[in-house]
Every structure is written in structure tokens, then in C-alpha cells.
Amino acid sequence: MAAKIDAQLLKKHHFWFLFIPIGFFFMLAWFGILSEVDDEVSATILKNDNEKKKVAPVKAQAKKTIDEYKEQLKVLDKQRDSMCRQGWAEQKKLFVWPAGYKGEQPKVFTNLKFGDNIANKQAERNQFPNKDIYKAEYETLVKSVQPMQFKDGWEKVLRHVGSWGPIPTSEDMWLAMEDLWVERSVLLAINQINVNASK
């Protein structure tokens, strides 16, 4: 009878009897996973620490290189500024307005930047096309580079405004003077080569 009770008891409660070894198995598996994950995490942390130690000198070198680069940029900026000032000092005499203006008129052009508006208070724009102002600058330039000659005359070779219409605008004057300044610098350079060659 006892054996029968045990068999019935086992049948009746077989879920709970089977749950004990399965639960034990899951517990063992869980502890195994935890310990394995812990080992993996430790190994990864150790590996990361080693990589950081390797990278640290590289970062320090990179920061040093960037600092040196910034210092070089400062030096280059100073050199560029110095060269620009030197270049302007050498070329400043080329960028002058016509000498034909009289009285207070030349002061109108003092400290103007390229493209600034040119007022017409004292008729600077009205007088600009006059022969003794605009064209006189070209004639003076041609005389300064003699014995250089221009085929069929300088008017056919040098770019200039042959005849002006109404009162020139500020832009007209700036563009006309730009042509004059460029041509003056080129002609003076060629003339200097001729002078050097003649010696």
C-alpha cells in the first residue's frame, strides 16, 4: 500500500518533483553565466585600460602638434601682414589720382578705399574727363618711359577712355583709374628692364 501511495503521490505532484532538479540546473547555469560575464567584463576593462595607456602619448603628441601649428599660424600672419605693408609701401606711389586737380580737390581722394563714393562737391567728377586731368596722366606716363615707343601712338595701345559722356560716376572713375594704375605699373617695369639692359 505504501508503494502505491508513493506512486500516486509522485504522479500527483510530479511537476514539483521535476521542478527541483530543473530549478537547480537553472541556478547553476545562472551562476555560470554571471561568473563568465564578470570575467568578460573584467577582461574588456583591462583591455580598454591598456588601449588608453597606449593612446595617451599619441593624444599628448597630437595636442603638442596642434599647439605648434597654431604658433606657426601666428608667425605666418605676422609675416603676411609685414609683406603686405612692405608691398603697399613700394606700390603706393603707383596708386595716385591725377595731378591736374587744384586747390582743395586732391583732399577729396585722400584715404578713399577702392570703390568708395566720390562726392562731386567741388566738381571733381565733372572735371575728371578734362584733357588736363585724366588724359594728362597718360601723356605724363608715356613721357616717363621714353624712349619706349607705341605703334601708331599710345592711344591705340593703352586701354583708356577716349571720350567721356555725361558726368562720370564714381564707378567710372575708379575703373578708369584702375586701368591707368595697372598699365603704369607694367610700363614702369618694362622701362626698368630696358634701362638695365642699356647698362
N, C-alpha and C. Protein backbone atom coordinates (compact mmCIF):
# COMPACT_ATOMS: atom_id res chain seq x y z
N MET A 1 0.83 -1.19 0.00
CA MET A 1 0.00 0.00 0.00
C MET A 1 0.88 1.26 0.00
N ALA A 2 2.01 1.19 0.72
CA ALA A 2 2.92 2.33 0.80
C ALA A 2 3.52 2.64 -0.57
N ALA A 3 3.84 1.56 -1.31
CA ALA A 3 4.40 1.76 -2.66
C ALA A 3 3.37 2.38 -3.57
N LYS A 4 2.12 1.99 -3.39
CA LYS A 4 1.03 2.55 -4.21
C LYS A 4 0.85 4.03 -3.89
N ILE A 5 0.94 4.38 -2.63
CA ILE A 5 0.78 5.78 -2.22
C ILE A 5 1.92 6.62 -2.80
N ASP A 6 3.10 6.04 -2.73
CA ASP A 6 4.26 6.78 -3.27
C ASP A 6 4.11 7.01 -4.77
N ALA A 7 3.62 6.00 -5.47
CA ALA A 7 3.43 6.14 -6.93
C ALA A 7 2.35 7.17 -7.22
N GLN A 8 1.26 7.12 -6.43
CA GLN A 8 0.20 8.10 -6.64
C GLN A 8 0.67 9.50 -6.27
N LEU A 9 1.41 9.55 -5.18
CA LEU A 9 1.94 10.85 -4.77
C LEU A 9 2.86 11.44 -5.84
N LEU A 10 3.70 10.57 -6.40
CA LEU A 10 4.61 11.03 -7.46
C LEU A 10 3.85 11.51 -8.68
N LYS A 11 2.82 10.75 -9.05
CA LYS A 11 2.03 11.14 -10.21
C LYS A 11 1.31 12.47 -9.96
N LYS A 12 0.79 12.58 -8.75
CA LYS A 12 0.01 13.75 -8.42
C LYS A 12 0.87 15.02 -8.34
N HIS A 13 2.06 14.86 -7.81
CA HIS A 13 2.94 16.02 -7.60
C HIS A 13 4.21 15.94 -8.45
N HIS A 14 4.12 15.30 -9.61
CA HIS A 14 5.33 15.13 -10.43
C HIS A 14 5.91 16.48 -10.91
N PHE A 15 5.09 17.53 -11.10
CA PHE A 15 5.58 18.83 -11.53
C PHE A 15 6.58 19.39 -10.51
N TRP A 16 6.17 19.29 -9.23
CA TRP A 16 7.03 19.85 -8.18
C TRP A 16 8.30 19.04 -8.00
N PHE A 17 8.18 17.73 -8.17
CA PHE A 17 9.37 16.89 -8.04
C PHE A 17 10.36 17.16 -9.19
N LEU A 18 9.80 17.39 -10.38
CA LEU A 18 10.68 17.69 -11.52
C LEU A 18 11.22 19.13 -11.46
N PHE A 19 10.47 20.02 -10.82
CA PHE A 19 10.87 21.42 -10.75
C PHE A 19 12.15 21.60 -9.94
N ILE A 20 12.36 20.78 -8.94
CA ILE A 20 13.54 20.91 -8.07
C ILE A 20 14.83 20.74 -8.86
N PRO A 21 15.02 19.60 -9.63
CA PRO A 21 16.29 19.49 -10.38
C PRO A 21 16.41 20.52 -11.51
N ILE A 22 15.25 20.84 -12.13
CA ILE A 22 15.32 21.83 -13.21
C ILE A 22 15.70 23.20 -12.64
N GLY A 23 15.08 23.56 -11.52
CA GLY A 23 15.42 24.84 -10.87
C GLY A 23 16.88 24.88 -10.46
N PHE A 24 17.37 23.73 -9.94
CA PHE A 24 18.77 23.63 -9.55
C PHE A 24 19.68 23.83 -10.77
N PHE A 25 19.27 23.21 -11.88
CA PHE A 25 20.04 23.33 -13.12
C PHE A 25 20.09 24.80 -13.59
N PHE A 26 18.93 25.45 -13.54
CA PHE A 26 18.87 26.86 -13.96
C PHE A 26 19.71 27.75 -13.05
N MET A 27 19.73 27.43 -11.75
CA MET A 27 20.55 28.19 -10.82
C MET A 27 22.03 28.06 -11.15
N LEU A 28 22.44 26.79 -11.45
CA LEU A 28 23.84 26.57 -11.81
C LEU A 28 24.19 27.34 -13.10
N ALA A 29 23.28 27.26 -14.08
CA ALA A 29 23.52 27.95 -15.35
C ALA A 29 23.62 29.46 -15.12
N TRP A 30 22.74 30.00 -14.28
CA TRP A 30 22.74 31.44 -14.00
C TRP A 30 24.04 31.89 -13.35
N PHE A 31 24.50 31.14 -12.37
CA PHE A 31 25.78 31.47 -11.73
C PHE A 31 26.94 31.36 -12.71
N GLY A 32 26.86 30.37 -13.59
CA GLY A 32 27.91 30.22 -14.61
C GLY A 32 27.95 31.41 -15.56
N ILE A 33 26.75 31.82 -15.96
CA ILE A 33 26.67 32.98 -16.88
C ILE A 33 27.21 34.23 -16.19
N LEU A 34 26.78 34.43 -14.93
CA LEU A 34 27.22 35.61 -14.21
C LEU A 34 28.73 35.64 -14.04
N SER A 35 29.30 34.51 -13.68
CA SER A 35 30.75 34.49 -13.49
C SER A 35 31.48 34.67 -14.82
N GLU A 36 30.92 34.08 -15.90
CA GLU A 36 31.55 34.22 -17.22
C GLU A 36 31.46 35.66 -17.72
N VAL A 37 30.28 36.27 -17.53
CA VAL A 37 30.11 37.67 -17.95
C VAL A 37 31.03 38.57 -17.15
N ASP A 38 31.14 38.29 -15.85
CA ASP A 38 32.02 39.08 -14.99
C ASP A 38 33.47 38.98 -15.48
N ASP A 39 33.89 37.77 -15.86
CA ASP A 39 35.25 37.59 -16.39
C ASP A 39 35.44 38.36 -17.69
N GLU A 40 34.41 38.31 -18.56
CA GLU A 40 34.48 39.01 -19.85
C GLU A 40 34.56 40.52 -19.63
N VAL A 41 33.73 41.02 -18.69
CA VAL A 41 33.73 42.45 -18.39
C VAL A 41 35.09 42.87 -17.85
N SER A 42 35.63 42.09 -16.95
CA SER A 42 36.94 42.42 -16.37
C SER A 42 38.01 42.44 -17.46
N ALA A 43 37.96 41.43 -18.34
CA ALA A 43 38.94 41.37 -19.42
C ALA A 43 38.80 42.56 -20.36
N THR A 44 37.56 42.95 -20.65
CA THR A 44 37.32 44.09 -21.54
C THR A 44 37.82 45.38 -20.90
N ILE A 45 37.54 45.56 -19.60
CA ILE A 45 38.00 46.76 -18.88
C ILE A 45 39.53 46.83 -18.90
N LEU A 46 40.16 45.68 -18.65
CA LEU A 46 41.62 45.62 -18.65
C LEU A 46 42.17 45.98 -20.03
N LYS A 47 41.52 45.42 -21.07
CA LYS A 47 41.94 45.71 -22.44
C LYS A 47 41.78 47.19 -22.76
N ASN A 48 40.65 47.78 -22.35
CA ASN A 48 40.41 49.21 -22.59
C ASN A 48 41.44 50.09 -21.88
N ASP A 49 41.75 49.69 -20.63
CA ASP A 49 42.76 50.44 -19.88
C ASP A 49 44.11 50.41 -20.59
N ASN A 50 44.46 49.23 -21.11
CA ASN A 50 45.73 49.10 -21.83
C ASN A 50 45.74 49.96 -23.10
N GLU A 51 44.58 49.97 -23.80
CA GLU A 51 44.47 50.78 -25.01
C GLU A 51 44.58 52.27 -24.68
N LYS A 52 43.95 52.68 -23.57
CA LYS A 52 44.03 54.08 -23.15
C LYS A 52 45.48 54.48 -22.87
N LYS A 53 46.22 53.56 -22.21
CA LYS A 53 47.62 53.85 -21.90
C LYS A 53 48.44 54.00 -23.19
N LYS A 54 48.08 53.19 -24.20
CA LYS A 54 48.80 53.29 -25.48
C LYS A 54 48.46 54.58 -26.21
N VAL A 55 47.18 54.99 -26.11
CA VAL A 55 46.71 56.17 -26.85
C VAL A 55 47.13 57.47 -26.17
N ALA A 56 47.30 57.46 -24.86
CA ALA A 56 47.61 58.68 -24.11
C ALA A 56 48.80 59.44 -24.68
N PRO A 57 49.95 58.77 -24.97
CA PRO A 57 51.08 59.52 -25.54
C PRO A 57 50.75 60.12 -26.92
N VAL A 58 49.95 59.37 -27.69
CA VAL A 58 49.56 59.86 -29.02
C VAL A 58 48.73 61.13 -28.88
N LYS A 59 47.78 61.13 -27.93
CA LYS A 59 46.95 62.32 -27.69
C LYS A 59 47.82 63.49 -27.28
N ALA A 60 48.77 63.23 -26.38
CA ALA A 60 49.65 64.30 -25.92
C ALA A 60 50.46 64.86 -27.09
N GLN A 61 50.96 63.96 -27.96
CA GLN A 61 51.73 64.39 -29.13
C GLN A 61 50.85 65.20 -30.08
N ALA A 62 49.59 64.74 -30.27
CA ALA A 62 48.67 65.44 -31.17
C ALA A 62 48.38 66.85 -30.64
N LYS A 63 48.16 66.97 -29.34
CA LYS A 63 47.90 68.29 -28.75
C LYS A 63 49.12 69.20 -28.91
N LYS A 64 50.30 68.62 -28.72
CA LYS A 64 51.53 69.40 -28.89
C LYS A 64 51.67 69.87 -30.34
N THR A 65 51.36 68.98 -31.28
CA THR A 65 51.44 69.32 -32.71
C THR A 65 50.46 70.44 -33.06
N ILE A 66 49.23 70.35 -32.52
CA ILE A 66 48.22 71.38 -32.78
C ILE A 66 48.68 72.72 -32.21
N ASP A 67 49.24 72.70 -31.01
CA ASP A 67 49.74 73.95 -30.41
C ASP A 67 50.86 74.56 -31.26
N GLU A 68 51.76 73.68 -31.74
CA GLU A 68 52.85 74.18 -32.60
C GLU A 68 52.29 74.76 -33.90
N TYR A 69 51.27 74.11 -34.45
CA TYR A 69 50.64 74.58 -35.68
C TYR A 69 50.02 75.97 -35.47
N LYS A 70 49.36 76.16 -34.33
CA LYS A 70 48.75 77.46 -34.02
C LYS A 70 49.82 78.54 -33.90
N GLU A 71 50.96 78.19 -33.30
CA GLU A 71 52.05 79.15 -33.17
C GLU A 71 52.60 79.52 -34.55
N GLN A 72 52.72 78.52 -35.42
CA GLN A 72 53.21 78.78 -36.79
C GLN A 72 52.24 79.69 -37.54
N LEU A 73 50.92 79.48 -37.32
CA LEU A 73 49.93 80.35 -37.97
C LEU A 73 50.09 81.80 -37.53
N LYS A 74 50.36 82.00 -36.24
CA LYS A 74 50.57 83.37 -35.74
C LYS A 74 51.78 84.01 -36.41
N VAL A 75 52.87 83.23 -36.52
CA VAL A 75 54.08 83.75 -37.17
C VAL A 75 53.80 84.08 -38.63
N LEU A 76 53.08 83.17 -39.32
CA LEU A 76 52.75 83.40 -40.73
C LEU A 76 51.87 84.63 -40.91
N ASP A 77 50.91 84.83 -39.99
CA ASP A 77 50.05 86.01 -40.07
C ASP A 77 50.87 87.29 -39.94
N LYS A 78 51.83 87.28 -39.02
CA LYS A 78 52.69 88.45 -38.84
C LYS A 78 53.53 88.70 -40.10
N GLN A 79 54.08 87.60 -40.66
CA GLN A 79 54.89 87.74 -41.88
C GLN A 79 54.05 88.25 -43.05
N ARG A 80 52.83 87.72 -43.18
CA ARG A 80 51.95 88.15 -44.26
C ARG A 80 51.61 89.63 -44.11
N ASP A 81 51.30 90.05 -42.88
CA ASP A 81 50.98 91.46 -42.63
C ASP A 81 52.18 92.34 -42.97
N SER A 82 53.37 91.88 -42.57
CA SER A 82 54.58 92.65 -42.84
C SER A 82 54.84 92.75 -44.35
N MET A 83 54.64 91.64 -45.07
CA MET A 83 54.85 91.64 -46.52
C MET A 83 53.83 92.53 -47.23
N CYS A 84 52.57 92.50 -46.75
CA CYS A 84 51.54 93.35 -47.35
C CYS A 84 51.88 94.82 -47.14
N ARG A 85 52.34 95.16 -45.93
CA ARG A 85 52.71 96.55 -45.66
C ARG A 85 53.89 96.99 -46.53
N GLN A 86 54.87 96.08 -46.66
CA GLN A 86 56.04 96.39 -47.48
C GLN A 86 55.64 96.54 -48.95
N GLY A 87 54.78 95.63 -49.43
CA GLY A 87 54.32 95.71 -50.82
C GLY A 87 53.55 96.99 -51.08
N TRP A 88 52.69 97.37 -50.11
CA TRP A 88 51.91 98.60 -50.27
C TRP A 88 52.84 99.82 -50.27
N ALA A 89 53.86 99.80 -49.40
CA ALA A 89 54.80 100.93 -49.34
C ALA A 89 55.53 101.09 -50.67
N GLU A 90 55.86 99.96 -51.31
CA GLU A 90 56.58 100.02 -52.58
C GLU A 90 55.67 100.44 -53.73
N GLN A 91 54.38 100.08 -53.65
CA GLN A 91 53.47 100.34 -54.76
C GLN A 91 52.58 101.57 -54.54
N LYS A 92 52.66 102.14 -53.36
CA LYS A 92 51.75 103.25 -53.03
C LYS A 92 51.85 104.39 -54.03
N LYS A 93 53.08 104.64 -54.52
CA LYS A 93 53.28 105.75 -55.45
C LYS A 93 52.57 105.52 -56.78
N LEU A 94 52.21 104.28 -57.09
CA LEU A 94 51.51 103.99 -58.34
C LEU A 94 50.02 104.35 -58.25
N PHE A 95 49.46 104.27 -57.04
CA PHE A 95 48.02 104.47 -56.88
C PHE A 95 47.71 105.91 -56.46
N VAL A 96 47.97 106.81 -57.38
CA VAL A 96 47.73 108.24 -57.11
C VAL A 96 46.71 108.76 -58.11
N TRP A 97 45.96 109.73 -57.66
CA TRP A 97 44.95 110.35 -58.52
C TRP A 97 45.61 111.42 -59.38
N PRO A 98 44.95 111.83 -60.45
CA PRO A 98 45.55 112.81 -61.37
C PRO A 98 46.03 114.07 -60.66
N ALA A 99 47.17 114.56 -61.14
CA ALA A 99 47.78 115.74 -60.53
C ALA A 99 47.13 117.03 -61.00
N GLY A 100 46.21 116.94 -61.97
CA GLY A 100 45.61 118.15 -62.53
C GLY A 100 44.60 118.83 -61.64
N TYR A 101 44.16 118.15 -60.58
CA TYR A 101 43.18 118.78 -59.67
C TYR A 101 43.86 119.92 -58.89
N LYS A 102 43.10 120.96 -58.63
CA LYS A 102 43.66 122.15 -57.99
C LYS A 102 43.03 122.39 -56.62
N GLY A 103 43.72 123.21 -55.84
CA GLY A 103 43.21 123.67 -54.55
C GLY A 103 42.93 122.54 -53.58
N GLU A 104 41.69 122.53 -53.08
CA GLU A 104 41.28 121.55 -52.07
C GLU A 104 40.84 120.22 -52.69
N GLN A 105 40.73 120.16 -54.01
CA GLN A 105 40.20 118.96 -54.65
C GLN A 105 41.00 117.69 -54.37
N PRO A 106 42.33 117.70 -54.38
CA PRO A 106 43.07 116.45 -54.11
C PRO A 106 42.74 115.82 -52.75
N LYS A 107 42.30 116.64 -51.78
CA LYS A 107 41.98 116.11 -50.45
C LYS A 107 40.76 115.19 -50.48
N VAL A 108 39.91 115.36 -51.52
CA VAL A 108 38.71 114.51 -51.65
C VAL A 108 39.11 113.05 -51.79
N PHE A 109 40.25 112.81 -52.45
CA PHE A 109 40.67 111.43 -52.72
C PHE A 109 41.53 110.84 -51.61
N THR A 110 41.89 111.65 -50.62
CA THR A 110 42.72 111.15 -49.52
C THR A 110 41.94 110.13 -48.69
N ASN A 111 42.58 109.02 -48.40
CA ASN A 111 42.02 107.94 -47.56
C ASN A 111 40.81 107.23 -48.16
N LEU A 112 40.58 107.40 -49.45
CA LEU A 112 39.49 106.64 -50.08
C LEU A 112 39.92 105.20 -50.30
N LYS A 113 39.01 104.27 -50.07
CA LYS A 113 39.26 102.86 -50.39
C LYS A 113 38.62 102.57 -51.75
N PHE A 114 39.17 101.56 -52.42
CA PHE A 114 38.70 101.28 -53.78
C PHE A 114 37.19 101.06 -53.77
N GLY A 115 36.50 101.81 -54.64
CA GLY A 115 35.06 101.67 -54.77
C GLY A 115 34.25 102.63 -53.93
N ASP A 116 34.91 103.38 -53.02
CA ASP A 116 34.17 104.35 -52.21
C ASP A 116 33.51 105.40 -53.10
N ASN A 117 32.43 105.97 -52.59
CA ASN A 117 31.74 107.02 -53.35
C ASN A 117 32.60 108.28 -53.40
N ILE A 118 32.68 108.86 -54.59
CA ILE A 118 33.42 110.11 -54.77
C ILE A 118 32.41 111.23 -54.90
N ALA A 119 32.44 112.14 -53.94
CA ALA A 119 31.50 113.26 -53.94
C ALA A 119 31.83 114.21 -55.09
N ASN A 120 30.85 115.01 -55.45
CA ASN A 120 31.06 115.96 -56.55
C ASN A 120 30.90 117.40 -56.04
N LYS A 121 31.26 117.61 -54.75
CA LYS A 121 31.04 118.92 -54.14
C LYS A 121 31.84 120.01 -54.82
N GLN A 122 33.06 119.72 -55.20
CA GLN A 122 33.91 120.71 -55.84
C GLN A 122 34.15 120.35 -57.31
N ALA A 123 33.19 119.64 -57.89
CA ALA A 123 33.21 119.29 -59.32
C ALA A 123 34.35 118.34 -59.70
N GLU A 124 34.75 117.46 -58.75
CA GLU A 124 35.82 116.50 -59.07
C GLU A 124 35.41 115.56 -60.20
N ARG A 125 34.15 115.12 -60.15
CA ARG A 125 33.69 114.21 -61.19
C ARG A 125 33.47 114.95 -62.51
N ASN A 126 32.99 116.19 -62.45
CA ASN A 126 32.81 116.99 -63.67
C ASN A 126 34.13 117.20 -64.41
N GLN A 127 35.18 117.48 -63.63
CA GLN A 127 36.47 117.84 -64.23
C GLN A 127 37.31 116.63 -64.65
N PHE A 128 36.97 115.45 -64.13
CA PHE A 128 37.80 114.27 -64.36
C PHE A 128 38.06 114.02 -65.85
N PRO A 129 37.06 114.11 -66.75
CA PRO A 129 37.33 113.84 -68.17
C PRO A 129 38.16 114.90 -68.87
N ASN A 130 38.40 116.04 -68.22
CA ASN A 130 39.15 117.12 -68.87
C ASN A 130 40.53 116.66 -69.32
N LYS A 131 40.99 117.26 -70.41
CA LYS A 131 42.27 116.87 -71.01
C LYS A 131 43.43 117.07 -70.03
N ASP A 132 43.36 118.10 -69.22
CA ASP A 132 44.47 118.38 -68.31
C ASP A 132 44.41 117.57 -67.02
N ILE A 133 43.44 116.67 -66.91
CA ILE A 133 43.36 115.81 -65.71
C ILE A 133 43.54 114.35 -66.10
N TYR A 134 42.53 113.73 -66.69
CA TYR A 134 42.61 112.29 -66.99
C TYR A 134 43.62 111.98 -68.09
N LYS A 135 43.49 112.61 -69.23
CA LYS A 135 44.38 112.31 -70.36
C LYS A 135 45.81 112.74 -70.06
N ALA A 136 45.97 113.80 -69.29
CA ALA A 136 47.31 114.29 -68.95
C ALA A 136 48.12 113.24 -68.19
N GLU A 137 47.43 112.40 -67.42
CA GLU A 137 48.13 111.34 -66.68
C GLU A 137 48.77 110.34 -67.65
N TYR A 138 48.05 110.00 -68.70
CA TYR A 138 48.60 109.08 -69.71
C TYR A 138 49.77 109.72 -70.45
N GLU A 139 49.64 110.98 -70.78
CA GLU A 139 50.72 111.65 -71.50
C GLU A 139 51.97 111.76 -70.63
N THR A 140 51.79 112.01 -69.35
CA THR A 140 52.92 112.06 -68.42
C THR A 140 53.57 110.68 -68.32
N LEU A 141 52.75 109.64 -68.26
CA LEU A 141 53.26 108.27 -68.18
C LEU A 141 54.08 107.93 -69.42
N VAL A 142 53.56 108.26 -70.59
CA VAL A 142 54.26 107.96 -71.85
C VAL A 142 55.61 108.69 -71.90
N LYS A 143 55.65 109.92 -71.45
CA LYS A 143 56.92 110.66 -71.43
C LYS A 143 57.92 110.03 -70.46
N SER A 144 57.40 109.50 -69.33
CA SER A 144 58.30 108.94 -68.31
C SER A 144 58.98 107.64 -68.75
N VAL A 145 58.44 106.98 -69.77
CA VAL A 145 59.04 105.71 -70.22
C VAL A 145 59.75 105.87 -71.57
N GLN A 146 59.95 107.10 -72.02
CA GLN A 146 60.71 107.30 -73.27
C GLN A 146 62.13 106.80 -73.07
N PRO A 147 62.76 106.24 -74.08
CA PRO A 147 62.42 106.22 -75.50
C PRO A 147 61.49 105.07 -75.93
N MET A 148 60.77 104.46 -75.00
CA MET A 148 59.81 103.43 -75.40
C MET A 148 58.80 104.03 -76.37
N GLN A 149 58.48 103.26 -77.41
CA GLN A 149 57.56 103.75 -78.42
C GLN A 149 56.34 102.84 -78.52
N PHE A 150 55.24 103.43 -78.97
CA PHE A 150 53.98 102.70 -79.13
C PHE A 150 53.57 102.77 -80.60
N LYS A 151 53.32 101.61 -81.18
CA LYS A 151 52.95 101.57 -82.60
C LYS A 151 51.65 102.34 -82.82
N ASP A 152 51.67 103.28 -83.75
CA ASP A 152 50.52 104.12 -84.08
C ASP A 152 50.08 105.00 -82.91
N GLY A 153 50.97 105.26 -81.95
CA GLY A 153 50.66 106.15 -80.83
C GLY A 153 50.10 105.40 -79.62
N TRP A 154 50.27 105.98 -78.45
CA TRP A 154 49.86 105.29 -77.21
C TRP A 154 48.36 105.11 -77.14
N GLU A 155 47.59 106.01 -77.80
CA GLU A 155 46.13 105.90 -77.74
C GLU A 155 45.62 104.59 -78.34
N LYS A 156 46.39 104.01 -79.29
CA LYS A 156 45.98 102.74 -79.92
C LYS A 156 46.44 101.53 -79.11
N VAL A 157 47.38 101.74 -78.20
CA VAL A 157 47.97 100.60 -77.45
C VAL A 157 47.42 100.53 -76.03
N LEU A 158 47.40 101.64 -75.34
CA LEU A 158 46.99 101.65 -73.94
C LEU A 158 45.47 101.75 -73.83
N ARG A 159 44.93 100.97 -72.91
CA ARG A 159 43.48 100.99 -72.69
C ARG A 159 43.11 102.24 -71.89
N HIS A 160 42.23 103.04 -72.45
CA HIS A 160 41.80 104.25 -71.78
C HIS A 160 40.43 104.65 -72.34
N VAL A 161 39.82 105.62 -71.69
CA VAL A 161 38.53 106.13 -72.17
C VAL A 161 38.82 107.29 -73.11
N GLY A 162 38.50 107.08 -74.38
CA GLY A 162 38.81 108.10 -75.39
C GLY A 162 37.90 109.31 -75.29
N SER A 163 36.63 109.06 -75.09
CA SER A 163 35.69 110.19 -74.97
C SER A 163 34.66 109.85 -73.90
N TRP A 164 34.45 110.81 -73.01
CA TRP A 164 33.51 110.64 -71.91
C TRP A 164 32.16 111.21 -72.31
N GLY A 165 31.13 110.63 -71.77
CA GLY A 165 29.79 111.14 -72.00
C GLY A 165 29.45 112.18 -70.96
N PRO A 166 28.31 111.98 -70.27
CA PRO A 166 27.94 112.92 -69.19
C PRO A 166 28.90 112.78 -68.01
N ILE A 167 28.57 113.42 -66.93
CA ILE A 167 29.42 113.39 -65.73
C ILE A 167 29.70 111.94 -65.34
N PRO A 168 30.97 111.55 -65.22
CA PRO A 168 31.27 110.15 -64.86
C PRO A 168 30.82 109.82 -63.43
N THR A 169 30.40 108.59 -63.24
CA THR A 169 30.04 108.14 -61.90
C THR A 169 31.30 107.78 -61.13
N SER A 170 31.14 107.53 -59.83
CA SER A 170 32.28 107.09 -59.02
C SER A 170 32.86 105.81 -59.60
N GLU A 171 31.98 104.89 -60.00
CA GLU A 171 32.45 103.61 -60.55
C GLU A 171 33.24 103.82 -61.83
N ASP A 172 32.78 104.73 -62.71
CA ASP A 172 33.51 105.03 -63.95
C ASP A 172 34.92 105.52 -63.63
N MET A 173 35.01 106.40 -62.65
CA MET A 173 36.32 106.96 -62.29
C MET A 173 37.24 105.90 -61.71
N TRP A 174 36.70 105.07 -60.83
CA TRP A 174 37.52 104.01 -60.22
C TRP A 174 38.04 103.04 -61.28
N LEU A 175 37.16 102.63 -62.20
CA LEU A 175 37.57 101.67 -63.23
C LEU A 175 38.59 102.29 -64.19
N ALA A 176 38.40 103.57 -64.54
CA ALA A 176 39.37 104.24 -65.40
C ALA A 176 40.72 104.35 -64.72
N MET A 177 40.72 104.68 -63.43
CA MET A 177 41.98 104.80 -62.70
C MET A 177 42.63 103.43 -62.49
N GLU A 178 41.81 102.40 -62.31
CA GLU A 178 42.37 101.05 -62.16
C GLU A 178 43.16 100.67 -63.42
N ASP A 179 42.59 100.93 -64.59
CA ASP A 179 43.31 100.66 -65.84
C ASP A 179 44.62 101.44 -65.90
N LEU A 180 44.55 102.71 -65.52
CA LEU A 180 45.75 103.55 -65.54
C LEU A 180 46.81 103.01 -64.59
N TRP A 181 46.41 102.63 -63.38
CA TRP A 181 47.38 102.14 -62.39
C TRP A 181 48.04 100.84 -62.85
N VAL A 182 47.24 99.94 -63.42
CA VAL A 182 47.80 98.67 -63.89
C VAL A 182 48.77 98.91 -65.04
N GLU A 183 48.35 99.73 -66.00
CA GLU A 183 49.21 100.00 -67.15
C GLU A 183 50.47 100.74 -66.74
N ARG A 184 50.34 101.65 -65.77
CA ARG A 184 51.51 102.38 -65.28
C ARG A 184 52.52 101.41 -64.66
N SER A 185 52.05 100.49 -63.81
CA SER A 185 52.97 99.55 -63.15
C SER A 185 53.66 98.65 -64.17
N VAL A 186 52.92 98.20 -65.21
CA VAL A 186 53.51 97.34 -66.24
C VAL A 186 54.54 98.12 -67.05
N LEU A 187 54.18 99.32 -67.48
CA LEU A 187 55.10 100.12 -68.31
C LEU A 187 56.36 100.50 -67.54
N LEU A 188 56.22 100.84 -66.27
CA LEU A 188 57.41 101.20 -65.49
C LEU A 188 58.32 100.01 -65.29
N ALA A 189 57.72 98.81 -65.14
CA ALA A 189 58.54 97.60 -65.01
C ALA A 189 59.29 97.31 -66.30
N ILE A 190 58.60 97.43 -67.44
CA ILE A 190 59.25 97.20 -68.74
C ILE A 190 60.34 98.25 -68.97
N ASN A 191 60.05 99.50 -68.61
CA ASN A 191 61.04 100.55 -68.78
C ASN A 191 62.29 100.28 -67.94
N GLN A 192 62.10 99.77 -66.73
CA GLN A 192 63.25 99.46 -65.86
C GLN A 192 64.09 98.35 -66.48
N ILE A 193 63.44 97.37 -67.10
CA ILE A 193 64.18 96.29 -67.78
C ILE A 193 65.01 96.89 -68.92
N ASN A 194 64.40 97.80 -69.69
CA ASN A 194 65.12 98.45 -70.79
C ASN A 194 66.31 99.25 -70.27
N VAL A 195 66.12 99.96 -69.17
CA VAL A 195 67.20 100.76 -68.59
C VAL A 195 68.34 99.85 -68.13
N ASN A 196 67.98 98.74 -67.47
CA ASN A 196 69.01 97.80 -67.00
C ASN A 196 69.75 97.18 -68.17
N ALA A 197 69.01 96.86 -69.24
CA ALA A 197 69.63 96.25 -70.41
C ALA A 197 70.58 97.22 -71.11
N SER A 198 70.23 98.51 -71.08
CA SER A 198 71.08 99.51 -71.75
C SER A 198 72.42 99.70 -71.02
N LYS A 199 72.45 99.32 -69.74
CA LYS A 199 73.68 99.46 -68.97
C LYS A 199 74.60 98.26 -69.16
